[in-house]
Amino acid sequence: MKLPYFLIDAFTDRAFSGNPAAVYVLSTPIPNDLMQKIAAEMNLSETAFVHQGPGSTTLRWFTPTTEVDLCGHATLASAHALFTAIDQPQSGVITFSSASGALTCEQTADGIRLDFPATPPTPVPQNDFILEHLGITDPVYFGQSKFDYLIQVASAEQVQSLTPNFSALAAVATRGFIVTAEAAEPDLDFVSRFFAPATGVNEDPVTGSAHCCLGPYWARHLNKHHLRAAQRSKRGGSLTVEVIEARVLLTGRAILVGRGELLL
């Protein structure tokens, strides 16, 4: 059996930046354990599996160690594959059926716009273990969303300089840790980094789903609903975030950097 895949860098328009994802567009479903083994073999932060069945297009995401309920960059990569890379490309709007409900992806002049559920944070008591191993001593805010912890620090420079203890943080029962600050650059509103060692991803380069939490948080604090964001990982990437009630619209670009076949 040959399974074709696409290698796509998401939330960027330059190869070897943004967040890479492998996208498999399946004509027939494959077993869960095989999807997990393929994701481990690809060894990227996310591998996406798209199945185009009668009446619906399903989308699932796997890290090298586990399946996740929501992934922004691999959704963007999957939409980019269907819009540009498959033999009979689609156009306009794609709606994926997923563990997080219906996810709509639309081609726009500014990139692909993802319509995701908002996952706003709520304040929780500070966890000294988490702060210690992130290397944060005086957080501005400490909260938790449906998926992750969210910590605001005083400056973008502090976000950039973090060197977390990943082996210690992997023991915390959460998907990941978002660390954020207001941006110093005039053309940005906020910056962030995302760490998820418990799911096999020490640092994710650009995390769309984290912005479903960051968007509502910064919209409230900055009193604006259209935001410009950058993730300050080594690879880096950027996106725009629009908060509309219980939804978050994430717009970004993607680029195909490779394709191949997995031989089974």
C-alpha atoms as a PDB file:
ATOM      1  CA  MET A   1       0.000   0.000   0.000  1.00  0.00           C
ATOM      2  CA  LYS A   2       1.253   3.470  -0.901  1.00  0.00           C
ATOM      3  CA  LEU A   3       0.033   6.483   1.071  1.00  0.00           C
ATOM      4  CA  PRO A   4       0.875   9.846  -0.543  1.00  0.00           C
ATOM      5  CA  TYR A   5       1.565  12.807   1.726  1.00  0.00           C
ATOM      6  CA  PHE A   6       2.331  16.516   1.485  1.00  0.00           C
ATOM      7  CA  LEU A   7       4.841  18.394   3.631  1.00  0.00           C
ATOM      8  CA  ILE A   8       3.566  21.920   4.225  1.00  0.00           C
ATOM      9  CA  ASP A   9       4.932  24.838   6.262  1.00  0.00           C
ATOM     10  CA  ALA A  10       2.012  26.694   7.863  1.00  0.00           C
ATOM     11  CA  PHE A  11       1.617  30.270   9.120  1.00  0.00           C
ATOM     12  CA  THR A  12       4.369  31.453   6.808  1.00  0.00           C
ATOM     13  CA  ASP A  13       5.046  32.188   3.148  1.00  0.00           C
ATOM     14  CA  ARG A  14       8.698  31.121   3.322  1.00  0.00           C
ATOM     15  CA  ALA A  15      10.030  27.559   3.256  1.00  0.00           C
ATOM     16  CA  PHE A  16      11.695  26.283   6.431  1.00  0.00           C
ATOM     17  CA  SER A  17       9.841  28.716   8.678  1.00  0.00           C
ATOM     18  CA  GLY A  18       6.436  28.563  10.319  1.00  0.00           C
ATOM     19  CA  ASN A  19       5.169  25.178  11.503  1.00  0.00           C
ATOM     20  CA  PRO A  20       5.663  22.064   9.359  1.00  0.00           C
ATOM     21  CA  ALA A  21       2.913  19.456   9.081  1.00  0.00           C
ATOM     22  CA  ALA A  22       2.525  16.267   7.094  1.00  0.00           C
ATOM     23  CA  VAL A  23      -0.884  15.901   5.452  1.00  0.00           C
ATOM     24  CA  TYR A  24      -2.252  12.550   4.267  1.00  0.00           C
ATOM     25  CA  VAL A  25      -5.322  12.791   2.015  1.00  0.00           C
ATOM     26  CA  LEU A  26      -6.945   9.353   2.267  1.00  0.00           C
ATOM     27  CA  SER A  27      -9.376   7.786  -0.174  1.00  0.00           C
ATOM     28  CA  THR A  28     -10.306   5.177   2.445  1.00  0.00           C
ATOM     29  CA  PRO A  29      -9.931   5.310   6.246  1.00  0.00           C
ATOM     30  CA  ILE A  30      -7.000   3.594   7.936  1.00  0.00           C
ATOM     31  CA  PRO A  31      -6.844   2.229  11.517  1.00  0.00           C
ATOM     32  CA  ASN A  32      -6.150   4.532  14.462  1.00  0.00           C
ATOM     33  CA  ASP A  33      -3.009   2.670  15.479  1.00  0.00           C
ATOM     34  CA  LEU A  34      -1.610   2.998  11.970  1.00  0.00           C
ATOM     35  CA  MET A  35      -2.228   6.755  11.978  1.00  0.00           C
ATOM     36  CA  GLN A  36      -0.353   6.990  15.278  1.00  0.00           C
ATOM     37  CA  LYS A  37       2.563   4.935  13.949  1.00  0.00           C
ATOM     38  CA  ILE A  38       2.741   7.118  10.831  1.00  0.00           C
ATOM     39  CA  ALA A  39       2.774  10.268  12.982  1.00  0.00           C
ATOM     40  CA  ALA A  40       5.619   8.831  15.048  1.00  0.00           C
ATOM     41  CA  GLU A  41       7.493   7.996  11.831  1.00  0.00           C
ATOM     42  CA  MET A  42       7.000  11.514  10.439  1.00  0.00           C
ATOM     43  CA  ASN A  43       8.168  12.916  13.811  1.00  0.00           C
ATOM     44  CA  LEU A  44       6.626  16.358  13.259  1.00  0.00           C
ATOM     45  CA  SER A  45       4.639  18.253  15.845  1.00  0.00           C
ATOM     46  CA  GLU A  46       1.470  17.234  13.950  1.00  0.00           C
ATOM     47  CA  THR A  47       0.520  14.850  11.177  1.00  0.00           C
ATOM     48  CA  ALA A  48      -2.948  15.375   9.715  1.00  0.00           C
ATOM     49  CA  PHE A  49      -5.192  12.752   8.135  1.00  0.00           C
ATOM     50  CA  VAL A  50      -7.936  13.948   5.797  1.00  0.00           C
ATOM     51  CA  HIS A  51     -10.608  11.537   4.601  1.00  0.00           C
ATOM     52  CA  GLN A  52     -12.893  12.764   1.859  1.00  0.00           C
ATOM     53  CA  GLY A  53     -15.997  10.615   2.201  1.00  0.00           C
ATOM     54  CA  PRO A  54     -19.481  10.982   0.759  1.00  0.00           C
ATOM     55  CA  GLY A  55     -21.052  14.119   2.183  1.00  0.00           C
ATOM     56  CA  SER A  56     -18.231  15.059   4.582  1.00  0.00           C
ATOM     57  CA  THR A  57     -14.490  15.597   4.898  1.00  0.00           C
ATOM     58  CA  THR A  58     -13.051  14.422   8.204  1.00  0.00           C
ATOM     59  CA  LEU A  59      -9.821  15.692   9.737  1.00  0.00           C
ATOM     60  CA  ARG A  60      -7.764  14.182  12.554  1.00  0.00           C
ATOM     61  CA  TRP A  61      -4.449  15.263  14.059  1.00  0.00           C
ATOM     62  CA  PHE A  62      -1.691  13.215  15.697  1.00  0.00           C
ATOM     63  CA  THR A  63       1.506  14.241  17.452  1.00  0.00           C
ATOM     64  CA  PRO A  64       4.310  11.647  17.540  1.00  0.00           C
ATOM     65  CA  THR A  65       2.754  10.223  20.719  1.00  0.00           C
ATOM     66  CA  THR A  66      -0.975  11.007  20.825  1.00  0.00           C
ATOM     67  CA  GLU A  67      -4.101  12.180  19.002  1.00  0.00           C
ATOM     68  CA  VAL A  68      -5.242  15.743  19.806  1.00  0.00           C
ATOM     69  CA  ASP A  69      -8.668  17.368  19.637  1.00  0.00           C
ATOM     70  CA  LEU A  70      -7.648  20.579  17.842  1.00  0.00           C
ATOM     71  CA  CYS A  71      -4.668  21.757  15.813  1.00  0.00           C
ATOM     72  CA  GLY A  72      -4.555  25.033  13.922  1.00  0.00           C
ATOM     73  CA  HIS A  73      -1.418  24.759  11.812  1.00  0.00           C
ATOM     74  CA  ALA A  74      -2.197  21.239  10.576  1.00  0.00           C
ATOM     75  CA  THR A  75      -5.730  22.380   9.695  1.00  0.00           C
ATOM     76  CA  LEU A  76      -4.250  25.253   7.695  1.00  0.00           C
ATOM     77  CA  ALA A  77      -1.837  22.810   6.051  1.00  0.00           C
ATOM     78  CA  SER A  78      -4.679  20.402   5.236  1.00  0.00           C
ATOM     79  CA  ALA A  79      -6.753  23.156   3.652  1.00  0.00           C
ATOM     80  CA  HIS A  80      -3.722  24.332   1.668  1.00  0.00           C
ATOM     81  CA  ALA A  81      -3.223  20.770   0.386  1.00  0.00           C
ATOM     82  CA  LEU A  82      -6.846  20.536  -0.764  1.00  0.00           C
ATOM     83  CA  PHE A  83      -6.786  24.017  -2.298  1.00  0.00           C
ATOM     84  CA  THR A  84      -3.486  23.678  -4.169  1.00  0.00           C
ATOM     85  CA  ALA A  85      -1.678  20.322  -4.033  1.00  0.00           C
ATOM     86  CA  ILE A  86      -4.078  17.472  -4.842  1.00  0.00           C
ATOM     87  CA  ASP A  87      -4.792  16.347  -8.410  1.00  0.00           C
ATOM     88  CA  GLN A  88      -8.225  18.007  -8.483  1.00  0.00           C
ATOM     89  CA  PRO A  89      -7.896  21.074  -6.214  1.00  0.00           C
ATOM     90  CA  GLN A  90     -10.913  22.521  -4.485  1.00  0.00           C
ATOM     91  CA  SER A  91     -11.628  26.234  -4.225  1.00  0.00           C
ATOM     92  CA  GLY A  92     -13.511  28.651  -2.046  1.00  0.00           C
ATOM     93  CA  VAL A  93     -14.484  27.047   1.251  1.00  0.00           C
ATOM     94  CA  ILE A  94     -13.743  23.687   2.873  1.00  0.00           C
ATOM     95  CA  THR A  95     -15.493  22.468   6.027  1.00  0.00           C
ATOM     96  CA  PHE A  96     -13.779  19.727   8.009  1.00  0.00           C
ATOM     97  CA  SER A  97     -15.606  17.471  10.442  1.00  0.00           C
ATOM     98  CA  SER A  98     -13.402  17.081  13.521  1.00  0.00           C
ATOM     99  CA  ALA A  99     -13.292  16.270  17.229  1.00  0.00           C
ATOM    100  CA  SER A 100     -13.788  20.012  17.811  1.00  0.00           C
ATOM    101  CA  GLY A 101     -16.836  20.233  15.561  1.00  0.00           C
ATOM    102  CA  ALA A 102     -17.122  21.737  12.101  1.00  0.00           C
ATOM    103  CA  LEU A 103     -14.048  23.767  11.090  1.00  0.00           C
ATOM    104  CA  THR A 104     -14.440  26.046   8.072  1.00  0.00           C
ATOM    105  CA  CYS A 105     -11.415  27.100   6.005  1.00  0.00           C
ATOM    106  CA  GLU A 106     -11.825  29.859   3.428  1.00  0.00           C
ATOM    107  CA  GLN A 107      -9.486  31.186   0.748  1.00  0.00           C
ATOM    108  CA  THR A 108      -8.998  34.956   1.102  1.00  0.00           C
ATOM    109  CA  ALA A 109      -6.626  37.552  -0.337  1.00  0.00           C
ATOM    110  CA  ASP A 110      -4.702  37.511   2.951  1.00  0.00           C
ATOM    111  CA  GLY A 111      -4.363  33.739   3.204  1.00  0.00           C
ATOM    112  CA  ILE A 112      -6.530  30.907   4.457  1.00  0.00           C
ATOM    113  CA  ARG A 113      -9.002  31.891   7.185  1.00  0.00           C
ATOM    114  CA  LEU A 114      -9.825  29.250   9.775  1.00  0.00           C
ATOM    115  CA  ASP A 115     -13.063  29.481  11.775  1.00  0.00           C
ATOM    116  CA  PHE A 116     -12.328  27.878  15.162  1.00  0.00           C
ATOM    117  CA  PRO A 117     -14.086  27.695  18.541  1.00  0.00           C
ATOM    118  CA  ALA A 118     -12.817  30.180  21.125  1.00  0.00           C
ATOM    119  CA  THR A 119     -11.226  28.642  24.223  1.00  0.00           C
ATOM    120  CA  PRO A 120     -10.859  31.649  26.577  1.00  0.00           C
ATOM    121  CA  PRO A 121      -8.826  31.258  29.760  1.00  0.00           C
ATOM    122  CA  THR A 122     -10.014  31.750  33.318  1.00  0.00           C
ATOM    123  CA  PRO A 123      -7.744  32.802  36.205  1.00  0.00           C
ATOM    124  CA  VAL A 124      -6.550  29.965  38.441  1.00  0.00           C
ATOM    125  CA  PRO A 125      -4.213  29.961  41.453  1.00  0.00           C
ATOM    126  CA  GLN A 126      -0.561  30.202  40.474  1.00  0.00           C
ATOM    127  CA  ASN A 127       1.237  26.885  40.282  1.00  0.00           C
ATOM    128  CA  ASP A 128       4.764  27.365  41.615  1.00  0.00           C
ATOM    129  CA  PHE A 129       6.008  24.118  40.053  1.00  0.00           C
ATOM    130  CA  ILE A 130       4.940  25.262  36.580  1.00  0.00           C
ATOM    131  CA  LEU A 131       6.368  28.746  37.035  1.00  0.00           C
ATOM    132  CA  GLU A 132       9.671  27.418  38.348  1.00  0.00           C
ATOM    133  CA  HIS A 133      10.196  25.045  35.436  1.00  0.00           C
ATOM    134  CA  LEU A 134       9.111  27.590  32.843  1.00  0.00           C
ATOM    135  CA  GLY A 135      11.600  30.010  34.408  1.00  0.00           C
ATOM    136  CA  ILE A 136       9.018  32.665  35.344  1.00  0.00           C
ATOM    137  CA  THR A 137       9.210  34.471  38.675  1.00  0.00           C
ATOM    138  CA  ASP A 138       6.610  37.243  38.501  1.00  0.00           C
ATOM    139  CA  PRO A 139       3.728  36.519  36.085  1.00  0.00           C
ATOM    140  CA  VAL A 140       1.270  39.231  35.123  1.00  0.00           C
ATOM    141  CA  TYR A 141      -1.503  36.643  34.681  1.00  0.00           C
ATOM    142  CA  PHE A 142      -1.880  32.916  35.363  1.00  0.00           C
ATOM    143  CA  GLY A 143      -4.876  31.124  33.899  1.00  0.00           C
ATOM    144  CA  GLN A 144      -6.100  27.982  32.217  1.00  0.00           C
ATOM    145  CA  SER A 145      -8.158  27.269  29.097  1.00  0.00           C
ATOM    146  CA  LYS A 146      -9.882  24.087  27.967  1.00  0.00           C
ATOM    147  CA  PHE A 147      -6.551  22.744  26.747  1.00  0.00           C
ATOM    148  CA  ASP A 148      -3.619  24.721  28.170  1.00  0.00           C
ATOM    149  CA  TYR A 149      -2.199  26.956  30.868  1.00  0.00           C
ATOM    150  CA  LEU A 150      -1.805  30.605  29.859  1.00  0.00           C
ATOM    151  CA  ILE A 151       0.805  32.806  31.507  1.00  0.00           C
ATOM    152  CA  GLN A 152       1.368  36.457  30.651  1.00  0.00           C
ATOM    153  CA  VAL A 153       4.770  37.924  31.446  1.00  0.00           C
ATOM    154  CA  ALA A 154       5.910  41.525  31.561  1.00  0.00           C
ATOM    155  CA  SER A 155       7.763  41.786  28.251  1.00  0.00           C
ATOM    156  CA  ALA A 156       8.243  40.225  24.837  1.00  0.00           C
ATOM    157  CA  GLU A 157      11.942  39.915  25.651  1.00  0.00           C
ATOM    158  CA  GLN A 158      11.077  37.670  28.594  1.00  0.00           C
ATOM    159  CA  VAL A 159       9.002  35.430  26.316  1.00  0.00           C
ATOM    160  CA  GLN A 160      11.930  35.135  23.913  1.00  0.00           C
ATOM    161  CA  SER A 161      14.495  34.286  26.605  1.00  0.00           C
ATOM    162  CA  LEU A 162      12.664  31.393  28.297  1.00  0.00           C
ATOM    163  CA  THR A 163      14.502  28.061  28.576  1.00  0.00           C
ATOM    164  CA  PRO A 164      11.960  25.686  30.156  1.00  0.00           C
ATOM    165  CA  ASN A 165      12.705  22.408  31.906  1.00  0.00           C
ATOM    166  CA  PHE A 166      10.779  20.152  29.549  1.00  0.00           C
ATOM    167  CA  SER A 167      11.304  16.889  31.400  1.00  0.00           C
ATOM    168  CA  ALA A 168       9.761  18.382  34.555  1.00  0.00           C
ATOM    169  CA  LEU A 169       6.871  20.049  32.711  1.00  0.00           C
ATOM    170  CA  ALA A 170       6.004  16.787  30.926  1.00  0.00           C
ATOM    171  CA  ALA A 171       4.669  15.489  34.254  1.00  0.00           C
ATOM    172  CA  VAL A 172       1.946  18.176  34.440  1.00  0.00           C
ATOM    173  CA  ALA A 173      -1.520  16.987  33.372  1.00  0.00           C
ATOM    174  CA  THR A 174      -2.192  19.480  30.578  1.00  0.00           C
ATOM    175  CA  ARG A 175      -1.811  19.671  26.817  1.00  0.00           C
ATOM    176  CA  GLY A 176       0.591  22.585  27.006  1.00  0.00           C
ATOM    177  CA  PHE A 177       1.767  25.962  28.288  1.00  0.00           C
ATOM    178  CA  ILE A 178       1.241  29.268  26.472  1.00  0.00           C
ATOM    179  CA  VAL A 179       3.527  32.117  27.517  1.00  0.00           C
ATOM    180  CA  THR A 180       2.649  35.540  26.106  1.00  0.00           C
ATOM    181  CA  ALA A 181       3.358  39.256  26.352  1.00  0.00           C
ATOM    182  CA  GLU A 182       2.315  42.450  24.634  1.00  0.00           C
ATOM    183  CA  ALA A 183       4.443  43.023  21.545  1.00  0.00           C
ATOM    184  CA  ALA A 184       7.146  45.672  21.399  1.00  0.00           C
ATOM    185  CA  GLU A 185       6.834  46.165  17.610  1.00  0.00           C
ATOM    186  CA  PRO A 186       4.220  48.669  16.374  1.00  0.00           C
ATOM    187  CA  ASP A 187       2.889  46.264  13.723  1.00  0.00           C
ATOM    188  CA  LEU A 188       2.073  43.520  16.263  1.00  0.00           C
ATOM    189  CA  ASP A 189      -0.290  43.252  19.223  1.00  0.00           C
ATOM    190  CA  PHE A 190       1.138  40.272  21.113  1.00  0.00           C
ATOM    191  CA  VAL A 191       3.746  37.534  20.951  1.00  0.00           C
ATOM    192  CA  SER A 192       3.811  34.054  22.414  1.00  0.00           C
ATOM    193  CA  ARG A 193       5.568  30.707  22.689  1.00  0.00           C
ATOM    194  CA  PHE A 194       3.955  27.308  23.201  1.00  0.00           C
ATOM    195  CA  PHE A 195       5.387  24.294  25.022  1.00  0.00           C
ATOM    196  CA  ALA A 196       3.748  20.840  25.066  1.00  0.00           C
ATOM    197  CA  PRO A 197       6.260  18.255  26.334  1.00  0.00           C
ATOM    198  CA  ALA A 198       3.532  15.900  27.622  1.00  0.00           C
ATOM    199  CA  THR A 199       2.359  15.359  24.022  1.00  0.00           C
ATOM    200  CA  GLY A 200       5.859  14.802  22.668  1.00  0.00           C
ATOM    201  CA  VAL A 201       6.339  18.386  21.408  1.00  0.00           C
ATOM    202  CA  ASN A 202       8.727  20.380  23.585  1.00  0.00           C
ATOM    203  CA  GLU A 203       8.135  23.607  21.666  1.00  0.00           C
ATOM    204  CA  ASP A 204       5.639  23.992  18.839  1.00  0.00           C
ATOM    205  CA  PRO A 205       6.817  26.511  16.208  1.00  0.00           C
ATOM    206  CA  VAL A 206       3.438  28.216  15.536  1.00  0.00           C
ATOM    207  CA  THR A 207       0.294  27.021  17.310  1.00  0.00           C
ATOM    208  CA  GLY A 208      -3.022  28.004  15.769  1.00  0.00           C
ATOM    209  CA  SER A 209      -5.155  26.395  18.480  1.00  0.00           C
ATOM    210  CA  ALA A 210      -3.286  28.304  21.208  1.00  0.00           C
ATOM    211  CA  HIS A 211      -4.553  31.501  19.566  1.00  0.00           C
ATOM    212  CA  CYS A 212      -8.115  30.367  20.269  1.00  0.00           C
ATOM    213  CA  CYS A 213      -7.141  31.133  23.871  1.00  0.00           C
ATOM    214  CA  LEU A 214      -4.791  34.050  23.184  1.00  0.00           C
ATOM    215  CA  GLY A 215      -7.311  35.832  20.952  1.00  0.00           C
ATOM    216  CA  PRO A 216     -10.083  36.219  23.558  1.00  0.00           C
ATOM    217  CA  TYR A 217      -7.503  37.047  26.238  1.00  0.00           C
ATOM    218  CA  TRP A 218      -5.812  39.878  24.331  1.00  0.00           C
ATOM    219  CA  ALA A 219      -9.080  41.118  22.792  1.00  0.00           C
ATOM    220  CA  ARG A 220     -10.328  41.775  26.305  1.00  0.00           C
ATOM    221  CA  HIS A 221      -7.082  43.294  27.585  1.00  0.00           C
ATOM    222  CA  LEU A 222      -6.393  45.476  24.547  1.00  0.00           C
ATOM    223  CA  ASN A 223     -10.066  46.231  23.860  1.00  0.00           C
ATOM    224  CA  LYS A 224      -9.798  45.298  20.205  1.00  0.00           C
ATOM    225  CA  HIS A 225     -11.077  42.318  18.277  1.00  0.00           C
ATOM    226  CA  HIS A 226      -8.731  42.268  15.279  1.00  0.00           C
ATOM    227  CA  LEU A 227      -5.220  41.357  16.408  1.00  0.00           C
ATOM    228  CA  ARG A 228      -1.822  40.721  14.847  1.00  0.00           C
ATOM    229  CA  ALA A 229       0.262  37.996  16.432  1.00  0.00           C
ATOM    230  CA  ALA A 230       3.676  36.373  16.133  1.00  0.00           C
ATOM    231  CA  GLN A 231       5.000  33.215  17.730  1.00  0.00           C
ATOM    232  CA  ARG A 232       8.615  33.567  18.797  1.00  0.00           C
ATOM    233  CA  SER A 233       9.914  30.038  18.303  1.00  0.00           C
ATOM    234  CA  LYS A 234      13.189  29.393  16.493  1.00  0.00           C
ATOM    235  CA  ARG A 235      11.324  28.956  13.179  1.00  0.00           C
ATOM    236  CA  GLY A 236       8.822  31.737  13.884  1.00  0.00           C
ATOM    237  CA  GLY A 237       5.539  32.529  12.198  1.00  0.00           C
ATOM    238  CA  SER A 238       2.677  35.014  12.168  1.00  0.00           C
ATOM    239  CA  LEU A 239      -1.092  35.238  11.803  1.00  0.00           C
ATOM    240  CA  THR A 240      -4.012  37.552  12.306  1.00  0.00           C
ATOM    241  CA  VAL A 241      -6.659  36.801  14.900  1.00  0.00           C
ATOM    242  CA  GLU A 242     -10.241  38.061  14.886  1.00  0.00           C
ATOM    243  CA  VAL A 243     -12.535  37.354  17.836  1.00  0.00           C
ATOM    244  CA  ILE A 244     -16.260  37.157  17.076  1.00  0.00           C
ATOM    245  CA  GLU A 245     -18.316  36.081  20.085  1.00  0.00           C
ATOM    246  CA  ALA A 246     -17.562  32.381  20.698  1.00  0.00           C
ATOM    247  CA  ARG A 247     -15.472  31.958  17.533  1.00  0.00           C
ATOM    248  CA  VAL A 248     -11.920  32.899  16.582  1.00  0.00           C
ATOM    249  CA  LEU A 249     -10.907  33.534  12.969  1.00  0.00           C
ATOM    250  CA  LEU A 250      -7.249  32.732  12.306  1.00  0.00           C
ATOM    251  CA  THR A 251      -5.759  33.851   8.987  1.00  0.00           C
ATOM    252  CA  GLY A 252      -2.382  32.727   7.735  1.00  0.00           C
ATOM    253  CA  ARG A 253      -0.458  31.542   4.714  1.00  0.00           C
ATOM    254  CA  ALA A 254       1.145  28.194   3.927  1.00  0.00           C
ATOM    255  CA  ILE A 255       3.631  26.797   1.440  1.00  0.00           C
ATOM    256  CA  LEU A 256       4.136  23.308   0.005  1.00  0.00           C
ATOM    257  CA  VAL A 257       7.756  22.253   0.539  1.00  0.00           C
ATOM    258  CA  GLY A 258       7.625  18.568  -0.323  1.00  0.00           C
ATOM    259  CA  ARG A 259       5.600  15.506  -1.191  1.00  0.00           C
ATOM    260  CA  GLY A 260       6.168  11.782  -1.071  1.00  0.00           C
ATOM    261  CA  GLU A 261       4.751   8.308  -0.498  1.00  0.00           C
ATOM    262  CA  LEU A 262       4.801   6.139   2.589  1.00  0.00           C
ATOM    263  CA  LEU A 263       5.302   2.494   1.552  1.00  0.00           C
ATOM    264  CA  LEU A 264       3.491  -0.061   3.709  1.00  0.00           C
END
